[in-house]
C-alpha atoms as a PDB file:
ATOM      1  CA  MET A   1      57.424  93.211 -13.358  1.00  0.00           C
ATOM      2  CA  TYR A   2      60.184  92.439 -15.845  1.00  0.00           C
ATOM      3  CA  TYR A   3      59.224  95.437 -17.978  1.00  0.00           C
ATOM      4  CA  ALA A   4      58.336  97.859 -15.179  1.00  0.00           C
ATOM      5  CA  VAL A   5      61.718  99.570 -15.289  1.00  0.00           C
ATOM      6  CA  LEU A   6      62.280  99.434 -19.050  1.00  0.00           C
ATOM      7  CA  ASP A   7      61.542 102.215 -21.502  1.00  0.00           C
ATOM      8  CA  HIS A   8      60.981  99.724 -24.337  1.00  0.00           C
ATOM      9  CA  LYS A   9      58.012  97.444 -23.731  1.00  0.00           C
ATOM     10  CA  PRO A  10      57.863  94.564 -26.263  1.00  0.00           C
ATOM     11  CA  LYS A  11      54.379  93.567 -27.346  1.00  0.00           C
ATOM     12  CA  ASN A  12      52.908  90.105 -27.025  1.00  0.00           C
ATOM     13  CA  HIS A  13      50.056  88.862 -29.170  1.00  0.00           C
ATOM     14  CA  PHE A  14      47.502  86.280 -28.029  1.00  0.00           C
ATOM     15  CA  LYS A  15      44.704  84.480 -29.818  1.00  0.00           C
ATOM     16  CA  MET A  16      42.328  82.001 -28.195  1.00  0.00           C
ATOM     17  CA  ILE A  17      40.465  79.656 -30.550  1.00  0.00           C
ATOM     18  CA  VAL A  18      37.101  78.418 -29.304  1.00  0.00           C
ATOM     19  CA  LEU A  19      34.584  76.006 -30.786  1.00  0.00           C
ATOM     20  CA  GLY A  20      30.795  76.024 -30.696  1.00  0.00           C
ATOM     21  CA  PRO A  21      28.274  77.859 -28.559  1.00  0.00           C
ATOM     22  CA  GLU A  22      29.859  76.457 -25.382  1.00  0.00           C
ATOM     23  CA  GLU A  23      33.158  78.087 -26.497  1.00  0.00           C
ATOM     24  CA  LYS A  24      35.381  75.108 -25.759  1.00  0.00           C
ATOM     25  CA  VAL A  25      39.002  76.270 -25.988  1.00  0.00           C
ATOM     26  CA  ILE A  26      40.675  74.202 -28.707  1.00  0.00           C
ATOM     27  CA  GLY A  27      43.827  76.228 -29.228  1.00  0.00           C
ATOM     28  CA  LEU A  28      45.983  79.166 -28.252  1.00  0.00           C
ATOM     29  CA  HIS A  29      48.367  81.177 -30.403  1.00  0.00           C
ATOM     30  CA  LEU A  30      50.942  83.251 -28.533  1.00  0.00           C
ATOM     31  CA  PHE A  31      53.771  85.348 -29.921  1.00  0.00           C
ATOM     32  CA  GLY A  32      56.262  87.177 -27.743  1.00  0.00           C
ATOM     33  CA  ILE A  33      58.687  86.798 -24.892  1.00  0.00           C
ATOM     34  CA  ASN A  34      58.027  83.790 -22.630  1.00  0.00           C
ATOM     35  CA  SER A  35      55.276  82.447 -24.911  1.00  0.00           C
ATOM     36  CA  ASP A  36      56.741  78.964 -24.578  1.00  0.00           C
ATOM     37  CA  GLU A  37      56.412  79.032 -20.787  1.00  0.00           C
ATOM     38  CA  ILE A  38      52.888  80.450 -20.935  1.00  0.00           C
ATOM     39  CA  LEU A  39      51.725  77.835 -23.462  1.00  0.00           C
ATOM     40  CA  GLN A  40      53.121  75.008 -21.359  1.00  0.00           C
ATOM     41  CA  GLY A  41      50.999  76.132 -18.422  1.00  0.00           C
ATOM     42  CA  PHE A  42      47.812  76.491 -20.430  1.00  0.00           C
ATOM     43  CA  ALA A  43      48.309  73.220 -22.345  1.00  0.00           C
ATOM     44  CA  VAL A  44      46.811  71.303 -19.420  1.00  0.00           C
ATOM     45  CA  ALA A  45      43.667  73.463 -19.496  1.00  0.00           C
ATOM     46  CA  VAL A  46      43.239  72.960 -23.243  1.00  0.00           C
ATOM     47  CA  ARG A  47      43.767  69.189 -22.957  1.00  0.00           C
ATOM     48  CA  ALA A  48      41.201  69.091 -20.137  1.00  0.00           C
ATOM     49  CA  GLY A  49      38.622  70.639 -22.473  1.00  0.00           C
ATOM     50  CA  LEU A  50      38.023  73.852 -20.538  1.00  0.00           C
ATOM     51  CA  THR A  51      35.676  76.486 -21.926  1.00  0.00           C
ATOM     52  CA  LYS A  52      36.200  80.227 -22.285  1.00  0.00           C
ATOM     53  CA  ALA A  53      33.841  80.730 -19.311  1.00  0.00           C
ATOM     54  CA  GLU A  54      36.097  78.533 -17.170  1.00  0.00           C
ATOM     55  CA  PHE A  55      39.120  80.580 -18.230  1.00  0.00           C
ATOM     56  CA  ASP A  56      37.157  83.728 -17.272  1.00  0.00           C
ATOM     57  CA  ARG A  57      36.528  82.358 -13.774  1.00  0.00           C
ATOM     58  CA  THR A  58      40.248  81.773 -13.218  1.00  0.00           C
ATOM     59  CA  VAL A  59      42.051  84.201 -10.910  1.00  0.00           C
ATOM     60  CA  ALA A  60      44.900  85.815 -12.825  1.00  0.00           C
ATOM     61  CA  ILE A  61      48.386  86.019 -11.384  1.00  0.00           C
ATOM     62  CA  HIS A  62      49.325  89.706 -11.465  1.00  0.00           C
ATOM     63  CA  PRO A  63      51.505  91.172 -12.822  1.00  0.00           C
ATOM     64  CA  THR A  64      52.208  88.608 -15.533  1.00  0.00           C
ATOM     65  CA  THR A  65      51.873  88.428 -19.282  1.00  0.00           C
ATOM     66  CA  SER A  66      49.794  85.250 -19.020  1.00  0.00           C
ATOM     67  CA  GLU A  67      47.046  87.028 -17.067  1.00  0.00           C
ATOM     68  CA  GLU A  68      45.841  88.432 -20.395  1.00  0.00           C
ATOM     69  CA  LEU A  69      44.570  84.976 -21.382  1.00  0.00           C
ATOM     70  CA  VAL A  70      42.149  84.832 -18.469  1.00  0.00           C
ATOM     71  CA  LEU A  71      41.252  88.523 -18.663  1.00  0.00           C
ATOM     72  CA  MET A  72      40.478  88.461 -22.402  1.00  0.00           C
ATOM     73  CA  ARG A  73      37.024  90.055 -22.358  1.00  0.00           C
ATOM     74  CA  ASN A  74      36.503  91.584 -25.806  1.00  0.00           C
ATOM     75  CA  PRO A  75      36.974  88.861 -28.382  1.00  0.00           C
ATOM     76  CA  THR A  76      37.490  89.564 -32.034  1.00  0.00           C
ATOM     77  CA  PRO A  77      34.508  88.397 -34.092  1.00  0.00           C
ATOM     78  CA  PRO A  78      35.105  85.011 -35.720  1.00  0.00           C
ATOM     79  CA  THR A  79      36.485  85.082 -39.232  1.00  0.00           C
ATOM     80  CA  VAL A  80      35.742  81.437 -39.976  1.00  0.00           C
ATOM     81  CA  LYS A  81      32.428  79.777 -39.207  1.00  0.00           C
ATOM     82  CA  VAL A  82      32.586  76.043 -38.583  1.00  0.00           C
ATOM     83  CA  ASP A  83      29.318  74.126 -38.963  1.00  0.00           C
END
């Protein structure tokens, strides 16, 4: 809602780092306005060991920037393979 009346819409960038076939979320990188507040909220989920599937099942609060983390459906292919 903050940007609904603005002509300039700043971009935010999100990256979710997952591990293994179960896609356990082990980190989040966020850049943009209010990233600090968004990370604080999701820190509990990461510490609890949630998986990407559990993030997907979360109901997003709309309209918010943080809803993109639980609506992230088309991941970028991994660039680093961890064995």
